[in-house]
C-alpha atoms as a PDB file:
ATOM      1  CA  MET A   1     201.240  72.375 101.847  1.00  0.00           C
ATOM      2  CA  LYS A   2     199.392  71.911  98.569  1.00  0.00           C
ATOM      3  CA  ALA A   3     198.267  74.701  96.104  1.00  0.00           C
ATOM      4  CA  ASN A   4     195.338  75.951  97.971  1.00  0.00           C
ATOM      5  CA  GLU A   5     197.524  76.886 100.723  1.00  0.00           C
ATOM      6  CA  PRO A   6     199.319  81.012 100.636  1.00  0.00           C
ATOM      7  CA  ASP A   7     202.772  80.588 100.361  1.00  0.00           C
ATOM      8  CA  ALA A   8     202.446  76.594  99.086  1.00  0.00           C
ATOM      9  CA  LEU A   9     203.732  77.973  95.803  1.00  0.00           C
ATOM     10  CA  SER A  10     206.856  79.189  96.665  1.00  0.00           C
ATOM     11  CA  LYS A  11     207.480  76.844  99.396  1.00  0.00           C
ATOM     12  CA  THR A  12     207.574  74.018  96.888  1.00  0.00           C
ATOM     13  CA  THR A  13     209.891  75.873  94.819  1.00  0.00           C
ATOM     14  CA  ARG A  14     212.338  77.021  97.308  1.00  0.00           C
ATOM     15  CA  ILE A  15     212.194  73.290  98.355  1.00  0.00           C
ATOM     16  CA  ASN A  16     212.647  72.160  94.528  1.00  0.00           C
ATOM     17  CA  GLN A  17     215.920  74.398  94.281  1.00  0.00           C
ATOM     18  CA  LEU A  18     217.438  73.139  97.483  1.00  0.00           C
ATOM     19  CA  PHE A  19     216.749  69.996  96.187  1.00  0.00           C
ATOM     20  CA  ASP A  20     218.671  70.673  92.915  1.00  0.00           C
ATOM     21  CA  PHE A  21     221.428  71.722  94.604  1.00  0.00           C
ATOM     22  CA  TYR A  22     221.820  69.200  97.633  1.00  0.00           C
ATOM     23  CA  GLU A  23     220.441  66.221  96.286  1.00  0.00           C
ATOM     24  CA  PRO A  24     223.239  63.787  96.510  1.00  0.00           C
ATOM     25  CA  LEU A  25     223.927  64.871 100.214  1.00  0.00           C
ATOM     26  CA  LEU A  26     220.237  63.400 101.265  1.00  0.00           C
ATOM     27  CA  THR A  27     219.790  59.457 101.567  1.00  0.00           C
ATOM     28  CA  GLU A  28     217.504  57.298  99.215  1.00  0.00           C
ATOM     29  CA  LYS A  29     214.434  58.004 101.754  1.00  0.00           C
ATOM     30  CA  GLN A  30     214.968  61.808 101.660  1.00  0.00           C
ATOM     31  CA  ARG A  31     214.966  61.985  98.172  1.00  0.00           C
ATOM     32  CA  THR A  32     212.170  59.313  97.239  1.00  0.00           C
ATOM     33  CA  PHE A  33     209.642  60.827  99.543  1.00  0.00           C
ATOM     34  CA  LEU A  34     210.579  64.713  98.452  1.00  0.00           C
ATOM     35  CA  LYS A  35     210.523  63.519  94.850  1.00  0.00           C
ATOM     36  CA  TYR A  36     206.626  62.446  96.348  1.00  0.00           C
ATOM     37  CA  TYR A  37     205.602  64.849  97.147  1.00  0.00           C
ATOM     38  CA  PHE A  38     207.040  68.291  95.855  1.00  0.00           C
ATOM     39  CA  HIS A  39     208.194  66.912  91.955  1.00  0.00           C
ATOM     40  CA  ASP A  40     205.295  64.810  91.367  1.00  0.00           C
ATOM     41  CA  ASP A  41     202.925  66.330  93.878  1.00  0.00           C
ATOM     42  CA  PHE A  42     201.894  62.912  95.365  1.00  0.00           C
ATOM     43  CA  SER A  43     199.633  63.608  98.480  1.00  0.00           C
ATOM     44  CA  LEU A  44     200.495  62.166 101.590  1.00  0.00           C
ATOM     45  CA  GLY A  45     198.029  59.483 101.359  1.00  0.00           C
ATOM     46  CA  GLU A  46     199.254  58.434  98.016  1.00  0.00           C
ATOM     47  CA  ILE A  47     202.773  58.380  99.375  1.00  0.00           C
ATOM     48  CA  ALA A  48     201.964  56.539 102.410  1.00  0.00           C
ATOM     49  CA  ALA A  49     199.848  54.058 100.745  1.00  0.00           C
ATOM     50  CA  GLU A  50     203.421  53.818  97.759  1.00  0.00           C
ATOM     51  CA  VAL A  51     205.664  52.617 100.518  1.00  0.00           C
ATOM     52  CA  GLY A  52     203.451  51.335 103.423  1.00  0.00           C
ATOM     53  CA  ILE A  53     203.297  53.622 106.103  1.00  0.00           C
ATOM     54  CA  SER A  54     201.206  56.126 107.667  1.00  0.00           C
ATOM     55  CA  ARG A  55     200.358  59.318 106.471  1.00  0.00           C
ATOM     56  CA  GLN A  56     201.915  61.035 109.699  1.00  0.00           C
ATOM     57  CA  ALA A  57     204.709  59.597 108.782  1.00  0.00           C
ATOM     58  CA  VAL A  58     205.152  60.218 105.571  1.00  0.00           C
ATOM     59  CA  TYR A  59     204.597  63.884 106.789  1.00  0.00           C
ATOM     60  CA  GLU A  60     207.776  63.748 109.633  1.00  0.00           C
ATOM     61  CA  HIS A  61     210.350  62.512 106.898  1.00  0.00           C
ATOM     62  CA  ILE A  62     208.975  65.205 104.095  1.00  0.00           C
ATOM     63  CA  LYS A  63     209.372  67.738 107.092  1.00  0.00           C
ATOM     64  CA  ARG A  64     212.747  66.159 108.529  1.00  0.00           C
ATOM     65  CA  ALA A  65     214.034  66.414 105.123  1.00  0.00           C
ATOM     66  CA  GLU A  66     212.836  69.784 104.318  1.00  0.00           C
ATOM     67  CA  GLN A  67     214.794  70.779 107.701  1.00  0.00           C
ATOM     68  CA  VAL A  68     217.940  68.521 105.862  1.00  0.00           C
ATOM     69  CA  LEU A  69     217.583  71.350 103.110  1.00  0.00           C
ATOM     70  CA  GLU A  70     217.955  73.844 104.910  1.00  0.00           C
ATOM     71  CA  SER A  71     220.367  73.039 107.304  1.00  0.00           C
ATOM     72  CA  TYR A  72     222.312  72.543 104.544  1.00  0.00           C
ATOM     73  CA  GLU A  73     221.798  75.422 102.936  1.00  0.00           C
ATOM     74  CA  SER A  74     222.349  77.836 106.059  1.00  0.00           C
ATOM     75  CA  LYS A  75     225.992  76.071 106.565  1.00  0.00           C
ATOM     76  CA  LEU A  76     226.907  76.101 102.781  1.00  0.00           C
ATOM     77  CA  SER A  77     224.806  78.905 101.037  1.00  0.00           C
ATOM     78  CA  LEU A  78     224.717  77.170  97.221  1.00  0.00           C
ATOM     79  CA  LEU A  79     220.836  78.545  96.526  1.00  0.00           C
ATOM     80  CA  VAL A  80     221.889  82.233  97.976  1.00  0.00           C
ATOM     81  CA  ARG A  81     225.268  82.348  95.729  1.00  0.00           C
ATOM     82  CA  HIS A  82     223.252  81.357  92.669  1.00  0.00           C
ATOM     83  CA  GLU A  83     220.652  83.882  92.993  1.00  0.00           C
ATOM     84  CA  SER A  84     223.699  86.948  93.574  1.00  0.00           C
ATOM     85  CA  LEU A  85     225.583  85.051  90.567  1.00  0.00           C
ATOM     86  CA  LEU A  86     222.138  85.463  87.969  1.00  0.00           C
ATOM     87  CA  GLN A  87     221.682  88.968  89.662  1.00  0.00           C
ATOM     88  CA  LEU A  88     224.826  89.923  89.001  1.00  0.00           C
ATOM     89  CA  THR A  89     225.207  88.366  85.409  1.00  0.00           C
ATOM     90  CA  ALA A  90     222.122  90.055  84.844  1.00  0.00           C
ATOM     91  CA  GLU A  91     223.490  93.462  85.473  1.00  0.00           C
ATOM     92  CA  LEU A  92     226.408  92.820  83.624  1.00  0.00           C
ATOM     93  CA  VAL A  93     224.486  91.990  80.550  1.00  0.00           C
ATOM     94  CA  ASN A  94     222.456  95.141  80.843  1.00  0.00           C
ATOM     95  CA  ASN A  95     225.965  97.141  81.173  1.00  0.00           C
ATOM     96  CA  VAL A  96     227.394  95.570  78.345  1.00  0.00           C
ATOM     97  CA  ASN A  97     224.128  96.575  76.060  1.00  0.00           C
ATOM     98  CA  GLU A  98     223.877  99.631  77.387  1.00  0.00           C
ATOM     99  CA  LEU A  99     227.851 100.070  76.008  1.00  0.00           C
ATOM    100  CA  ALA A 100     228.354 102.502  73.253  1.00  0.00           C
ATOM    101  CA  ILE A 101     230.521 100.174  71.338  1.00  0.00           C
ATOM    102  CA  ALA A 102     230.323  98.054  68.050  1.00  0.00           C
ATOM    103  CA  GLU A 103     227.586  95.316  67.829  1.00  0.00           C
ATOM    104  CA  GLN A 104     230.383  92.546  67.450  1.00  0.00           C
ATOM    105  CA  GLU A 105     232.202  93.526  70.723  1.00  0.00           C
ATOM    106  CA  LYS A 106     229.004  93.658  72.451  1.00  0.00           C
ATOM    107  CA  GLN A 107     228.282  89.733  71.159  1.00  0.00           C
ATOM    108  CA  ALA A 108     232.123  88.789  72.108  1.00  0.00           C
ATOM    109  CA  LEU A 109     231.716  90.133  75.886  1.00  0.00           C
ATOM    110  CA  MET A 110     228.131  88.570  75.647  1.00  0.00           C
ATOM    111  CA  SER A 111     229.940  85.358  74.564  1.00  0.00           C
ATOM    112  CA  VAL A 112     232.290  85.866  77.437  1.00  0.00           C
ATOM    113  CA  ILE A 113     229.545  86.043  79.780  1.00  0.00           C
ATOM    114  CA  SER A 114     227.572  82.858  78.628  1.00  0.00           C
ATOM    115  CA  GLN A 115     230.605  81.247  78.761  1.00  0.00           C
ATOM    116  CA  PHE A 116     231.069  82.193  82.288  1.00  0.00           C
ATOM    117  CA  THR A 117     227.586  81.458  83.448  1.00  0.00           C
ATOM    118  CA  ILE A 118     227.305  77.992  82.127  1.00  0.00           C
ATOM    119  CA  SER A 119     230.641  76.755  83.722  1.00  0.00           C
ATOM    120  CA  GLU A 120     229.058  77.818  86.834  1.00  0.00           C
END
């Protein structure tokens, strides 16, 4: 699952996003393998050498950790909710920009929107 595969980038992006949300729920071993593989771009062989197990074992650990992340997302939907909030925020910003009101009022509204998205 490296860059030469068609959906490698989108899969890596998704796993990294899920990891951002659910990292605290993973075991230390799951965090380690996912960080090496998806964040640090280590090969299976490099990870195997680093932790002293076979490449097949590394592959199985990574696949299981991916399944755990997907399981958390299917139950909690944090990534889906986050993406929805980003989309709604972008639409709100566009709507505010189209309002026929004074620039100062637009800036005040944008400030409120900004505070809301930061606290999310």
